[in-house]
Amino acid sequence: MFDNLSDKLDKAFHILKGHGKITEINVAETLKEVRRALLDADVNFKIAKDFTTRVKDKAIGENVLTTLQPGQLMVKLVKDELTELMGGDVAGINLSGNPTVILMSGLQGSGKTTFSGKLANYLKTKKNKKPLLIAGDVYRPAAIDQLHVVGGQIGVEVYSERENKNPVEIALNGIKHAKANGFNVVVVDTAGRLAVDEEMMTEIANVHKAINPQETLFVVDSMTGQDAVNTAKAFNDRLNFDGVILTKLDGDTRGGAALSIKSVVNKPIKFVGTGEKMEAIDVFYPSRMADRILGMGDVVSLVERAQEQFDEEEARKLQKKIAKNEFGFDDFLQQIQQVKKMGNMKDLIGMIPGASKAMKDVEIEDDAFKHIEAIIQSMTPKERKKPSIIDVKRKNRIAKGSGTKIEQVNQLMKQFDQMSKMMKMMQGPGGKQLMKMMGGGMPGMR
């Protein structure tokens, strides 16, 4: 996420390395590279120019912090401006109304139908709501089927009318169904087009007027860059939507949409999609995203994700096992499953300060744990419970059964041994205090 932009900004800040103070000359040179980095990220020229002008005015102004080195000061100023550029404060979702009606809009291929499911799942699991999905795309039969599949995955009912081709009627009938059956949130998926056209705009404007939603959200593929911003403006001119959802932010995005869209439409980014799973939805925090762009990581989000997967009762059981030196491969496998639920590995590593930079040339697959799981599942129950009995003969059998090499089995055994020792150490007073300071730490580590 934003790897190319992060690298170029890092190189821009290096210009100030070794300088004793901020001057108009070294600021101009640095900000020239910052502006170039933003333009390469597909940020609008005027937005990039205004951005660097604001940073320059602050950098050479009177309120310079003398405790900071020039490079540190520039990073701080750019971070503050990036945060403001992306909206400043986090924007919540309006859940008033009974039911709350949320209208989804966007072009075909933006990930609108999938994100409708992700949003419904978020509202169900995080906000304790009872959502209903309404299939309002009357042109693409596959869209109705897709929404039913998504609804089935997350256990959310989908309202659809396959013979009716009037999206206004379908939406109104769906809302009536929601009121009659105790649903307190309705998410209305709508038809998209390959490009903005008058017919499309008139149709969604009619739906919008008829259902009067509490929230109208514009879904945009973040990988389309500046085109996404132009499309957002066209939709906003007709719908005056309440917020933006950026999908596919886990891809090789240049970042132009995330950085430009707030300035163009003056509407906040409310959510982002960070993967294919239904749980891959995050509330958008401008300051946290600015930290990640500048390679500072996002420890707060990492800890929050860990705490979501944390099971207090299971952690107590695990703590007793560790204290009795009974931590086995079944427990290790359980920890892996909890980490996997937190999101894809590349995204998680991006939250660790400095990790993205250190591992930028390392390819991290989503199934990074695949061979580890295969090795553990090839062990007998007795071997998983008591790893110390695994000798060379057993290792050869495990390697053959898991389709891996003996070296990989040896490596896992070594890593497991190191992890067991570390977890044993964390049971001491110092370790417990450290985990407390980290807000609870990773699942199973309290």
Protein backbone atom coordinates (compact mmCIF):
# COMPACT_ATOMS: atom_id res chain seq x y z
CA MET A 1 0.00 0.00 0.00
CA PHE A 2 1.55 3.31 -1.16
CA ASP A 3 5.01 1.66 -1.27
CA ASN A 4 6.20 3.73 -4.24
CA LEU A 5 5.01 7.01 -2.71
CA SER A 6 6.60 6.11 0.65
CA ASP A 7 9.97 5.42 -1.01
CA LYS A 8 9.96 8.70 -2.93
CA LEU A 9 9.00 10.76 0.11
CA ASP A 10 11.77 9.07 2.10
CA LYS A 11 14.30 10.07 -0.58
CA ALA A 12 12.97 13.65 -0.54
CA PHE A 13 13.55 13.93 3.22
CA HIS A 14 17.12 12.65 2.80
CA ILE A 15 17.98 15.95 1.08
CA LEU A 16 17.80 17.62 4.50
CA LYS A 17 20.02 15.04 6.19
CA GLY A 18 23.12 16.69 7.63
CA HIS A 19 21.71 20.21 7.41
CA GLY A 20 21.78 22.15 10.67
CA LYS A 21 18.72 24.27 9.97
CA ILE A 22 15.82 24.89 7.63
CA THR A 23 16.50 27.36 4.80
CA GLU A 24 14.42 28.46 1.82
CA ILE A 25 16.91 26.73 -0.48
CA ASN A 26 16.93 23.26 1.11
CA VAL A 27 13.15 23.43 1.75
CA ALA A 28 12.51 24.29 -1.90
CA GLU A 29 14.70 21.39 -3.04
CA THR A 30 13.00 18.93 -0.69
CA LEU A 31 9.47 20.05 -1.54
CA LYS A 32 10.22 19.87 -5.25
CA GLU A 33 10.81 16.13 -4.72
CA VAL A 34 7.73 15.84 -2.49
CA ARG A 35 5.58 17.45 -5.21
CA ARG A 36 7.08 15.10 -7.80
CA ALA A 37 6.29 12.12 -5.55
CA LEU A 38 2.66 13.25 -5.21
CA LEU A 39 2.29 13.75 -8.97
CA ASP A 40 3.76 10.27 -9.59
CA ALA A 41 1.13 8.96 -7.18
CA ASP A 42 -1.50 10.45 -9.55
CA VAL A 43 -2.42 13.38 -7.30
CA ASN A 44 -3.93 16.37 -9.14
CA PHE A 45 -1.28 19.02 -9.99
CA LYS A 46 -3.08 21.88 -8.22
CA ILE A 47 -3.59 19.80 -5.07
CA ALA A 48 0.10 18.79 -5.06
CA LYS A 49 1.20 22.41 -5.60
CA ASP A 50 -1.08 23.78 -2.84
CA PHE A 51 0.10 21.00 -0.52
CA THR A 52 3.80 21.84 -0.90
CA THR A 53 3.08 25.59 -0.62
CA ARG A 54 1.40 25.06 2.75
CA VAL A 55 4.29 22.91 4.00
CA LYS A 56 6.82 25.53 2.80
CA ASP A 57 4.98 28.37 4.58
CA LYS A 58 5.01 26.41 7.84
CA ALA A 59 8.62 25.24 7.45
CA ILE A 60 10.08 28.71 7.05
CA GLY A 61 7.59 30.42 9.36
CA GLU A 62 8.26 31.69 12.84
CA ASN A 63 6.90 28.70 14.79
CA VAL A 64 9.73 26.27 14.03
CA LEU A 65 10.35 23.69 16.77
CA THR A 66 14.02 24.10 17.70
CA THR A 67 14.12 20.65 19.32
CA LEU A 68 13.68 18.96 15.92
CA GLN A 69 16.29 18.38 13.23
CA PRO A 70 15.35 19.77 9.76
CA GLY A 71 14.58 16.29 8.41
CA GLN A 72 12.40 15.44 11.44
CA LEU A 73 10.60 18.76 11.16
CA MET A 74 9.85 18.20 7.48
CA VAL A 75 8.46 14.72 8.18
CA LYS A 76 6.22 16.15 10.90
CA LEU A 77 4.94 18.97 8.67
CA VAL A 78 4.28 16.62 5.74
CA LYS A 79 2.55 14.15 8.07
CA ASP A 80 0.26 16.89 9.44
CA GLU A 81 -0.58 18.13 5.92
CA LEU A 82 -1.22 14.58 4.64
CA THR A 83 -3.61 14.05 7.55
CA GLU A 84 -5.50 17.24 6.70
CA LEU A 85 -5.47 16.43 2.98
CA MET A 86 -7.20 13.10 3.68
CA GLY A 87 -9.83 14.66 5.95
CA GLY A 88 -8.22 15.41 9.30
CA ASP A 89 -10.58 13.69 11.74
CA VAL A 90 -12.13 10.24 11.43
CA ALA A 91 -15.69 10.38 10.02
CA GLY A 92 -18.36 8.18 11.56
CA ILE A 93 -21.34 6.60 9.86
CA ASN A 94 -24.86 7.93 10.53
CA LEU A 95 -26.95 5.11 12.00
CA SER A 96 -30.07 7.13 12.84
CA GLY A 97 -33.47 6.18 11.45
CA ASN A 98 -35.52 3.03 11.92
CA PRO A 99 -34.34 1.37 9.82
CA THR A 100 -31.15 3.22 8.87
CA VAL A 101 -31.08 3.33 5.06
CA ILE A 102 -27.66 3.26 3.37
CA LEU A 103 -27.46 3.76 -0.40
CA MET A 104 -24.38 2.44 -2.23
CA SER A 105 -23.31 4.15 -5.46
CA GLY A 106 -20.40 3.78 -7.87
CA LEU A 107 -19.22 2.50 -11.23
CA GLN A 108 -19.36 -1.14 -12.30
CA GLY A 109 -16.20 -2.96 -11.22
CA SER A 110 -15.51 -0.69 -8.24
CA GLY A 111 -16.27 -3.48 -5.77
CA LYS A 112 -19.63 -2.02 -4.75
CA THR A 113 -21.56 -5.29 -4.38
CA THR A 114 -18.79 -6.98 -2.41
CA PHE A 115 -18.36 -3.95 -0.17
CA SER A 116 -22.12 -3.83 0.48
CA GLY A 117 -21.64 -7.26 2.05
CA LYS A 118 -18.55 -6.15 3.98
CA LEU A 119 -20.43 -3.15 5.35
CA ALA A 120 -23.40 -5.31 6.37
CA ASN A 121 -21.01 -7.72 8.09
CA TYR A 122 -19.27 -4.81 9.88
CA LEU A 123 -22.60 -3.43 11.11
CA LYS A 124 -23.69 -6.88 12.26
CA THR A 125 -20.48 -7.87 14.08
CA LYS A 126 -19.11 -4.51 15.28
CA LYS A 127 -22.26 -2.42 15.76
CA ASN A 128 -24.62 -5.21 16.85
CA LYS A 129 -27.14 -4.35 14.10
CA LYS A 130 -29.54 -6.55 12.15
CA PRO A 131 -28.86 -5.57 8.51
CA LEU A 132 -30.78 -6.37 5.32
CA LEU A 133 -29.13 -6.26 1.90
CA ILE A 134 -31.28 -5.11 -1.04
CA ALA A 135 -30.29 -6.17 -4.57
CA GLY A 136 -31.05 -3.05 -6.62
CA ASP A 137 -29.02 -3.84 -9.76
CA VAL A 138 -31.72 -4.70 -12.30
CA TYR A 139 -29.40 -4.96 -15.32
CA ARG A 140 -26.85 -7.53 -14.28
CA PRO A 141 -28.45 -10.84 -13.15
CA ALA A 142 -25.05 -11.94 -11.84
CA ALA A 143 -25.12 -8.99 -9.41
CA ILE A 144 -28.22 -10.40 -7.69
CA ASP A 145 -26.63 -13.85 -7.50
CA GLN A 146 -23.39 -12.32 -6.23
CA LEU A 147 -25.19 -10.45 -3.44
CA HIS A 148 -27.03 -13.63 -2.40
CA VAL A 149 -23.70 -15.49 -2.22
CA VAL A 150 -22.18 -12.67 -0.16
CA GLY A 151 -25.22 -12.59 2.13
CA GLY A 152 -24.95 -16.35 2.64
CA GLN A 153 -21.27 -16.03 3.63
CA ILE A 154 -22.00 -13.50 6.38
CA GLY A 155 -25.43 -14.76 7.46
CA VAL A 156 -27.33 -11.67 6.29
CA GLU A 157 -30.68 -11.84 4.46
CA VAL A 158 -30.85 -10.47 0.90
CA TYR A 159 -34.04 -8.96 -0.53
CA SER A 160 -34.41 -9.23 -4.31
CA GLU A 161 -37.09 -9.20 -7.03
CA ARG A 162 -35.79 -10.94 -10.14
CA GLU A 163 -38.73 -10.08 -12.41
CA ASN A 164 -39.06 -6.43 -11.38
CA LYS A 165 -36.90 -4.02 -13.41
CA ASN A 166 -37.79 -0.88 -11.46
CA PRO A 167 -34.99 -0.13 -8.94
CA VAL A 168 -37.09 2.48 -7.08
CA GLU A 169 -39.88 -0.05 -6.43
CA ILE A 170 -37.39 -2.74 -5.37
CA ALA A 171 -35.71 -0.39 -2.89
CA LEU A 172 -39.02 0.81 -1.41
CA ASN A 173 -40.39 -2.77 -1.18
CA GLY A 174 -37.15 -3.89 0.47
CA ILE A 175 -37.40 -1.14 3.09
CA LYS A 176 -41.03 -2.17 3.79
CA HIS A 177 -39.80 -5.76 4.24
CA ALA A 178 -37.13 -4.53 6.66
CA LYS A 179 -39.66 -2.60 8.78
CA ALA A 180 -42.02 -5.56 8.90
CA ASN A 181 -39.32 -8.04 9.92
CA GLY A 182 -37.27 -6.17 12.51
CA PHE A 183 -34.24 -5.18 10.41
CA ASN A 184 -32.71 -1.96 11.76
CA VAL A 185 -30.25 -1.28 8.90
CA VAL A 186 -30.82 -1.53 5.14
CA VAL A 187 -27.93 -1.52 2.65
CA VAL A 188 -29.15 -0.85 -0.91
CA ASP A 189 -26.83 -2.06 -3.68
CA THR A 190 -27.41 -0.27 -7.00
CA ALA A 191 -26.50 -0.74 -10.64
CA GLY A 192 -23.16 0.52 -11.92
CA ARG A 193 -21.99 1.39 -15.41
CA LEU A 194 -18.62 1.21 -17.11
CA ALA A 195 -18.65 5.01 -17.35
CA VAL A 196 -20.71 7.93 -16.05
CA ASP A 197 -23.80 8.51 -18.22
CA GLU A 198 -27.02 10.52 -17.91
CA GLU A 199 -29.28 7.45 -17.73
CA MET A 200 -27.30 6.04 -14.84
CA MET A 201 -27.25 9.35 -12.96
CA THR A 202 -30.98 9.91 -13.41
CA GLU A 203 -31.77 6.40 -12.22
CA ILE A 204 -29.72 6.55 -9.02
CA ALA A 205 -30.93 10.10 -8.34
CA ASN A 206 -34.52 8.78 -8.52
CA VAL A 207 -33.70 5.96 -6.07
CA HIS A 208 -32.00 8.47 -3.77
CA LYS A 209 -35.00 10.81 -3.80
CA ALA A 210 -37.51 7.98 -3.21
CA ILE A 211 -35.79 6.29 -0.25
CA ASN A 212 -34.22 9.42 1.36
CA PRO A 213 -31.25 7.50 2.86
CA GLN A 214 -29.46 8.48 6.08
CA GLU A 215 -26.16 7.64 4.34
CA THR A 216 -25.26 7.78 0.65
CA LEU A 217 -21.83 6.29 0.06
CA PHE A 218 -19.73 6.46 -3.09
CA VAL A 219 -17.62 3.33 -3.69
CA VAL A 220 -14.47 3.82 -5.72
CA ASP A 221 -11.62 1.57 -6.85
CA SER A 222 -8.53 3.23 -5.34
CA MET A 223 -6.33 1.76 -8.08
CA THR A 224 -7.94 4.02 -10.71
CA GLY A 225 -6.23 7.11 -9.27
CA GLN A 226 -7.22 10.49 -10.69
CA ASP A 227 -10.04 8.98 -12.79
CA ALA A 228 -11.66 7.91 -9.53
CA VAL A 229 -11.60 11.49 -8.26
CA ASN A 230 -13.24 12.79 -11.45
CA THR A 231 -15.96 10.13 -11.20
CA ALA A 232 -16.54 11.02 -7.55
CA LYS A 233 -17.13 14.65 -8.52
CA ALA A 234 -19.70 13.66 -11.17
CA PHE A 235 -21.62 11.52 -8.64
CA ASN A 236 -21.40 14.13 -5.90
CA ASP A 237 -22.81 16.84 -8.19
CA ARG A 238 -25.97 14.74 -8.59
CA LEU A 239 -26.27 12.90 -5.28
CA ASN A 240 -24.44 15.11 -2.76
CA PHE A 241 -23.25 11.88 -1.12
CA ASP A 242 -22.14 11.69 2.52
CA GLY A 243 -18.88 9.83 2.24
CA VAL A 244 -16.42 7.80 0.18
CA ILE A 245 -15.41 4.15 0.39
CA LEU A 246 -12.05 3.21 -1.13
CA THR A 247 -11.81 -0.42 -2.23
CA LYS A 248 -8.75 -2.49 -3.22
CA LEU A 249 -6.43 -0.44 -1.04
CA ASP A 250 -4.38 -3.60 -0.50
CA GLY A 251 -3.42 -3.63 -4.20
CA ASP A 252 -0.57 -1.85 -5.95
CA THR A 253 -2.26 1.52 -5.57
CA ARG A 254 -0.45 4.78 -6.25
CA GLY A 255 -2.56 6.60 -3.70
CA GLY A 256 -3.91 9.44 -5.85
CA ALA A 257 -7.56 8.76 -4.99
CA ALA A 258 -6.98 8.56 -1.23
CA LEU A 259 -4.93 11.76 -1.23
CA SER A 260 -7.06 13.84 -3.63
CA ILE A 261 -10.68 12.90 -3.20
CA LYS A 262 -11.41 14.92 -0.01
CA SER A 263 -10.05 18.12 -1.60
CA VAL A 264 -12.16 17.71 -4.74
CA VAL A 265 -15.56 16.70 -3.32
CA ASN A 266 -15.13 17.90 0.29
CA LYS A 267 -16.57 14.64 1.58
CA PRO A 268 -14.75 12.31 4.00
CA ILE A 269 -13.38 8.86 3.28
CA LYS A 270 -15.34 6.71 5.74
CA PHE A 271 -14.18 3.15 5.06
CA VAL A 272 -11.49 1.30 3.13
CA GLY A 273 -11.38 -2.23 1.74
CA THR A 274 -8.11 -4.01 2.50
CA GLY A 275 -8.57 -7.49 1.06
CA GLU A 276 -10.98 -10.04 -0.36
CA LYS A 277 -12.36 -11.46 2.90
CA MET A 278 -15.65 -10.16 4.30
CA GLU A 279 -13.78 -8.95 7.40
CA ALA A 280 -11.37 -6.86 5.28
CA ILE A 281 -12.98 -3.50 6.04
CA ASP A 282 -11.42 -0.71 8.10
CA VAL A 283 -12.71 2.61 9.36
CA PHE A 284 -10.54 5.26 7.67
CA TYR A 285 -8.26 7.18 10.03
CA PRO A 286 -6.44 9.98 8.13
CA SER A 287 -3.67 10.35 10.72
CA ARG A 288 -2.98 6.59 10.81
CA MET A 289 -2.86 6.45 7.01
CA ALA A 290 -0.43 9.39 6.95
CA ASP A 291 1.80 7.50 9.40
CA ARG A 292 1.78 4.44 7.14
CA ILE A 293 2.57 6.48 4.01
CA LEU A 294 5.59 7.93 5.82
CA GLY A 295 6.79 4.49 6.97
CA MET A 296 5.85 5.06 10.62
CA GLY A 297 3.53 2.06 10.77
CA ASP A 298 0.16 1.91 12.54
CA VAL A 299 0.60 0.20 15.90
CA VAL A 300 -2.80 1.36 17.19
CA SER A 301 -4.69 -0.44 14.38
CA LEU A 302 -2.48 -3.51 14.79
CA VAL A 303 -3.28 -3.75 18.53
CA GLU A 304 -7.00 -3.13 17.85
CA ARG A 305 -7.10 -6.00 15.36
CA ALA A 306 -5.27 -8.25 17.82
CA GLN A 307 -7.72 -7.40 20.60
CA GLU A 308 -10.69 -8.20 18.32
CA GLN A 309 -9.40 -11.77 18.02
CA PHE A 310 -8.48 -12.01 21.70
CA ASP A 311 -10.41 -14.58 23.73
CA GLU A 312 -9.89 -14.07 27.46
CA GLU A 313 -10.90 -17.59 28.50
CA GLU A 314 -8.67 -19.23 25.87
CA ALA A 315 -5.80 -16.94 26.90
CA ARG A 316 -6.10 -18.07 30.54
CA LYS A 317 -5.94 -21.71 29.48
CA LEU A 318 -2.93 -20.97 27.29
CA GLN A 319 -1.20 -19.13 30.12
CA LYS A 320 -1.53 -22.19 32.36
CA LYS A 321 -0.10 -24.43 29.62
CA ILE A 322 2.88 -22.13 29.15
CA ALA A 323 3.51 -22.01 32.91
CA LYS A 324 3.45 -25.84 33.05
CA ASN A 325 5.62 -26.10 29.90
CA GLU A 326 2.73 -27.81 28.07
CA PHE A 327 2.51 -25.42 25.10
CA GLY A 328 2.17 -27.65 22.03
CA PHE A 329 1.68 -27.44 18.27
CA ASP A 330 -2.13 -27.45 18.60
CA ASP A 331 -1.81 -24.24 20.61
CA PHE A 332 0.67 -22.86 18.06
CA LEU A 333 -1.79 -23.64 15.25
CA GLN A 334 -4.56 -21.84 17.16
CA GLN A 335 -2.36 -18.74 17.44
CA ILE A 336 -1.72 -18.84 13.67
CA GLN A 337 -5.48 -19.01 13.00
CA GLN A 338 -6.01 -15.91 15.16
CA VAL A 339 -3.25 -13.99 13.35
CA LYS A 340 -4.78 -14.94 9.98
CA LYS A 341 -8.14 -13.51 11.06
CA MET A 342 -6.45 -10.14 11.63
CA GLY A 343 -5.89 -9.66 7.89
CA ASN A 344 -3.40 -10.38 5.12
CA MET A 345 0.26 -10.49 6.16
CA LYS A 346 1.41 -7.66 3.90
CA ASP A 347 -1.14 -5.31 5.46
CA LEU A 348 -0.20 -6.38 9.00
CA ILE A 349 3.52 -5.90 8.37
CA GLY A 350 2.78 -2.42 7.01
CA MET A 351 1.43 -1.55 10.47
CA ILE A 352 4.76 -2.26 12.16
CA PRO A 353 6.98 0.86 12.22
CA GLY A 354 9.90 0.47 9.80
CA ALA A 355 8.85 -3.02 8.68
CA SER A 356 7.61 -2.00 5.22
CA LYS A 357 10.93 -0.35 4.45
CA ALA A 358 12.97 -3.25 5.80
CA MET A 359 10.93 -5.83 3.85
CA LYS A 360 10.09 -3.87 0.68
CA ASP A 361 11.86 -6.39 -1.60
CA VAL A 362 10.41 -9.42 0.21
CA GLU A 363 7.34 -10.95 -1.43
CA ILE A 364 4.76 -11.80 1.25
CA GLU A 365 2.06 -14.21 0.15
CA ASP A 366 -1.43 -14.26 1.67
CA ASP A 367 -0.94 -17.98 2.37
CA ALA A 368 2.37 -17.39 4.20
CA PHE A 369 1.34 -19.93 6.88
CA LYS A 370 0.28 -22.62 4.42
CA HIS A 371 3.35 -24.89 4.70
CA ILE A 372 3.47 -24.43 8.51
CA GLU A 373 -0.16 -25.55 8.82
CA ALA A 374 0.54 -28.51 6.52
CA ILE A 375 3.50 -29.62 8.67
CA ILE A 376 1.56 -29.37 11.94
CA GLN A 377 -1.46 -31.18 10.47
CA SER A 378 0.83 -34.01 9.35
CA MET A 379 1.85 -34.67 12.95
CA THR A 380 0.08 -37.20 15.16
CA PRO A 381 -1.98 -35.88 18.09
CA LYS A 382 0.73 -37.15 20.44
CA GLU A 383 3.47 -35.31 18.50
CA ARG A 384 1.48 -32.05 18.51
CA LYS A 385 0.94 -32.34 22.26
CA LYS A 386 4.54 -33.29 23.08
CA PRO A 387 6.93 -31.92 20.38
CA SER A 388 10.00 -33.20 22.26
CA ILE A 389 9.31 -36.76 21.00
CA ILE A 390 9.76 -35.70 17.35
CA ASP A 391 13.02 -37.36 16.26
CA VAL A 392 14.68 -37.62 12.83
CA LYS A 393 12.51 -40.56 11.75
CA ARG A 394 9.32 -38.72 12.70
CA LYS A 395 10.54 -35.54 10.97
CA ASN A 396 11.07 -37.44 7.71
CA ARG A 397 7.55 -38.86 7.92
CA ILE A 398 6.07 -35.42 8.68
CA ALA A 399 7.95 -33.82 5.77
CA LYS A 400 6.73 -36.50 3.37
CA GLY A 401 3.14 -36.25 4.63
CA SER A 402 3.04 -32.45 4.36
CA GLY A 403 4.76 -32.20 0.96
CA THR A 404 7.60 -30.17 2.46
CA LYS A 405 11.33 -30.62 2.92
CA ILE A 406 13.06 -31.88 6.05
CA GLU A 407 14.80 -28.48 6.29
CA GLN A 408 11.40 -26.76 6.58
CA VAL A 409 10.34 -29.13 9.36
CA ASN A 410 13.62 -28.45 11.20
CA GLN A 411 13.13 -24.71 10.76
CA LEU A 412 9.59 -24.88 12.18
CA MET A 413 10.80 -26.95 15.15
CA LYS A 414 13.48 -24.34 15.86
CA GLN A 415 11.02 -21.44 15.55
CA PHE A 416 8.55 -23.24 17.80
CA ASP A 417 11.24 -23.81 20.42
CA GLN A 418 12.25 -20.14 20.34
CA MET A 419 8.64 -19.00 20.57
CA SER A 420 7.99 -21.35 23.52
CA LYS A 421 10.98 -19.90 25.39
CA MET A 422 9.90 -16.34 24.64
CA MET A 423 6.34 -16.99 25.81
CA LYS A 424 7.69 -18.59 28.99
CA MET A 425 9.76 -15.45 29.61
CA MET A 426 6.70 -13.25 29.04
CA GLN A 427 5.03 -14.92 32.04
CA GLY A 428 7.44 -13.08 34.35
CA PRO A 429 6.60 -9.70 36.00
CA GLY A 430 8.54 -7.71 33.39
CA GLY A 431 6.88 -9.49 30.48
CA LYS A 432 3.38 -9.02 31.87
CA GLN A 433 4.03 -5.32 32.43
CA LEU A 434 5.27 -4.98 28.82
CA MET A 435 2.14 -6.66 27.44
CA LYS A 436 -0.02 -4.38 29.62
CA MET A 437 1.74 -1.32 28.18
CA MET A 438 1.04 -2.63 24.68
CA GLY A 439 -2.68 -2.67 25.43
CA GLY A 440 -2.94 -6.42 25.80
CA GLY A 441 -0.67 -7.41 22.93
CA MET A 442 -1.23 -10.27 20.56
CA PRO A 443 -3.96 -12.88 21.14
CA GLY A 444 -3.12 -15.37 23.81
CA MET A 445 -0.24 -13.37 25.25
CA ARG A 446 -1.84 -11.98 28.43
